[in-house]
Protein backbone atom coordinates (compact mmCIF):
# COMPACT_ATOMS: atom_id res chain seq x y z
CA MET A 1 10.30 8.02 7.73
CA LEU A 2 11.26 4.75 9.37
CA SER A 3 10.93 6.34 12.80
CA ASN A 4 7.33 7.28 11.90
CA ILE A 5 6.62 3.71 10.83
CA PHE A 6 8.11 2.35 14.03
CA ALA A 7 6.05 4.89 16.01
CA GLY A 8 2.85 3.35 14.62
CA LYS A 9 2.26 5.64 11.64
CA GLY A 10 2.75 2.83 9.19
CA PHE A 11 3.87 -0.75 8.80
CA ILE A 12 6.20 -3.06 6.93
CA TYR A 13 5.20 -6.58 5.93
CA ILE A 14 8.08 -8.81 4.89
CA GLU A 15 7.96 -12.06 2.98
CA GLN A 16 11.33 -13.29 4.24
CA GLY A 17 13.92 -13.27 1.45
CA LYS A 18 11.25 -12.61 -1.20
CA GLY A 19 9.88 -9.09 -0.81
CA LEU A 20 8.13 -6.46 1.25
CA ILE A 21 5.35 -3.90 1.28
CA ILE A 22 5.47 -0.65 3.24
CA GLY A 23 2.45 1.46 4.15
CA LEU A 24 2.52 4.94 5.67
CA ILE A 25 -0.35 6.74 7.42
CA VAL A 26 -0.39 10.46 6.62
CA PRO A 27 -2.83 13.37 6.78
CA SER A 28 -4.67 14.23 3.59
CA LEU A 29 -3.30 17.17 1.61
CA TRP A 30 -6.78 18.67 1.66
CA CYS A 31 -7.68 18.15 5.33
CA ASP A 32 -5.08 17.60 8.03
CA LYS A 33 -7.68 15.87 10.23
CA THR A 34 -8.33 13.18 7.61
CA TYR A 35 -5.79 10.36 7.56
CA ALA A 36 -5.02 7.96 4.76
CA LEU A 37 -2.81 4.91 4.33
CA HIS A 38 -0.55 5.07 1.27
CA GLU A 39 1.50 2.23 -0.11
CA LEU A 40 5.03 3.57 -0.05
CA ALA A 41 6.89 0.62 -1.55
CA TRP A 42 5.97 -2.83 -2.82
CA TYR A 43 8.91 -4.90 -3.96
CA VAL A 44 9.27 -8.57 -4.82
CA ARG A 45 12.62 -10.01 -5.89
CA PRO A 46 12.55 -10.87 -9.60
CA GLU A 47 12.92 -14.62 -9.05
CA TYR A 48 9.69 -14.65 -6.97
CA ARG A 49 7.49 -12.46 -9.18
CA GLN A 50 5.73 -15.36 -10.85
CA GLY A 51 4.78 -16.95 -7.52
CA SER A 52 2.39 -15.94 -4.77
CA ALA A 53 4.74 -13.82 -2.59
CA GLY A 54 3.59 -10.53 -4.15
CA TYR A 55 -0.05 -11.47 -3.80
CA ARG A 56 0.39 -12.37 -0.13
CA LEU A 57 1.99 -8.97 0.51
CA PHE A 58 -0.80 -7.20 -1.39
CA GLU A 59 -3.42 -9.17 0.53
CA ALA A 60 -1.81 -8.24 3.87
CA TYR A 61 -1.81 -4.56 2.87
CA ILE A 62 -5.50 -4.66 1.93
CA LYS A 63 -6.43 -6.49 5.14
CA HIS A 64 -4.55 -3.99 7.27
CA GLY A 65 -6.06 -1.06 5.35
CA LYS A 66 -9.58 -2.39 5.93
CA GLU A 67 -8.88 -2.86 9.64
CA LEU A 68 -7.63 0.73 9.91
CA LYS A 69 -10.73 2.01 8.11
CA GLU A 70 -13.11 -0.03 10.26
CA SER A 71 -11.42 1.26 13.43
CA GLY A 72 -11.79 4.85 12.21
CA ARG A 73 -8.04 5.50 12.20
CA ILE A 74 -8.00 6.27 8.44
CA LYS A 75 -10.64 7.38 5.96
CA TYR A 76 -9.20 5.57 2.94
CA PHE A 77 -6.16 3.69 1.65
CA THR A 78 -4.44 3.79 -1.71
CA MET A 79 -2.35 1.58 -3.95
CA THR A 80 0.03 2.96 -6.56
CA LYS A 81 0.26 1.51 -10.03
CA LEU A 82 3.44 2.44 -11.86
CA ASP A 83 4.01 1.93 -15.56
CA VAL A 84 6.29 -1.00 -14.62
CA SER A 85 3.79 -2.49 -12.14
CA PRO A 86 2.30 -5.92 -12.77
CA LYS A 87 -0.81 -5.89 -14.92
CA LEU A 88 -3.18 -6.32 -11.96
CA ASP A 89 -6.79 -5.21 -12.10
CA TYR A 90 -6.92 -3.40 -8.77
CA SER A 91 -10.68 -2.90 -9.14
CA LYS A 92 -11.10 -6.63 -8.43
CA TYR A 93 -9.83 -5.83 -4.94
CA GLY A 94 -12.17 -2.90 -4.31
CA PHE A 95 -9.92 -0.08 -5.52
CA ARG A 96 -11.11 2.56 -7.97
CA LYS A 97 -8.97 4.78 -10.15
CA LYS A 98 -8.83 8.30 -8.73
CA ASP A 99 -6.21 10.11 -10.79
CA GLU A 100 -3.17 9.78 -13.04
CA ASN A 101 0.21 11.45 -12.81
CA TRP A 102 2.27 12.27 -15.87
CA ILE A 103 6.00 13.00 -15.74
CA GLN A 104 8.23 14.64 -18.29
């Protein structure tokens, strides 16, 4: 996976000593000619979660996703919201809820 990221099929933004966000560009399950950017990991160290480090990482991901869309490299980009994720309203940033996954 890291070799794909280093080969240009994704990116890693690091907030030095505070956290990171990783995005991966992959073909859609439904059409292998349609590419999408998926957030693979977004982690902020607990002591920095009340500050702006997480927001700066999120903002960098959105900016990069928009650039990839505008260039035609991807059709869309996604952001995962886990049950332990911060209570962010992703719709404020242009995202819309597409589906839910349930695990047993």
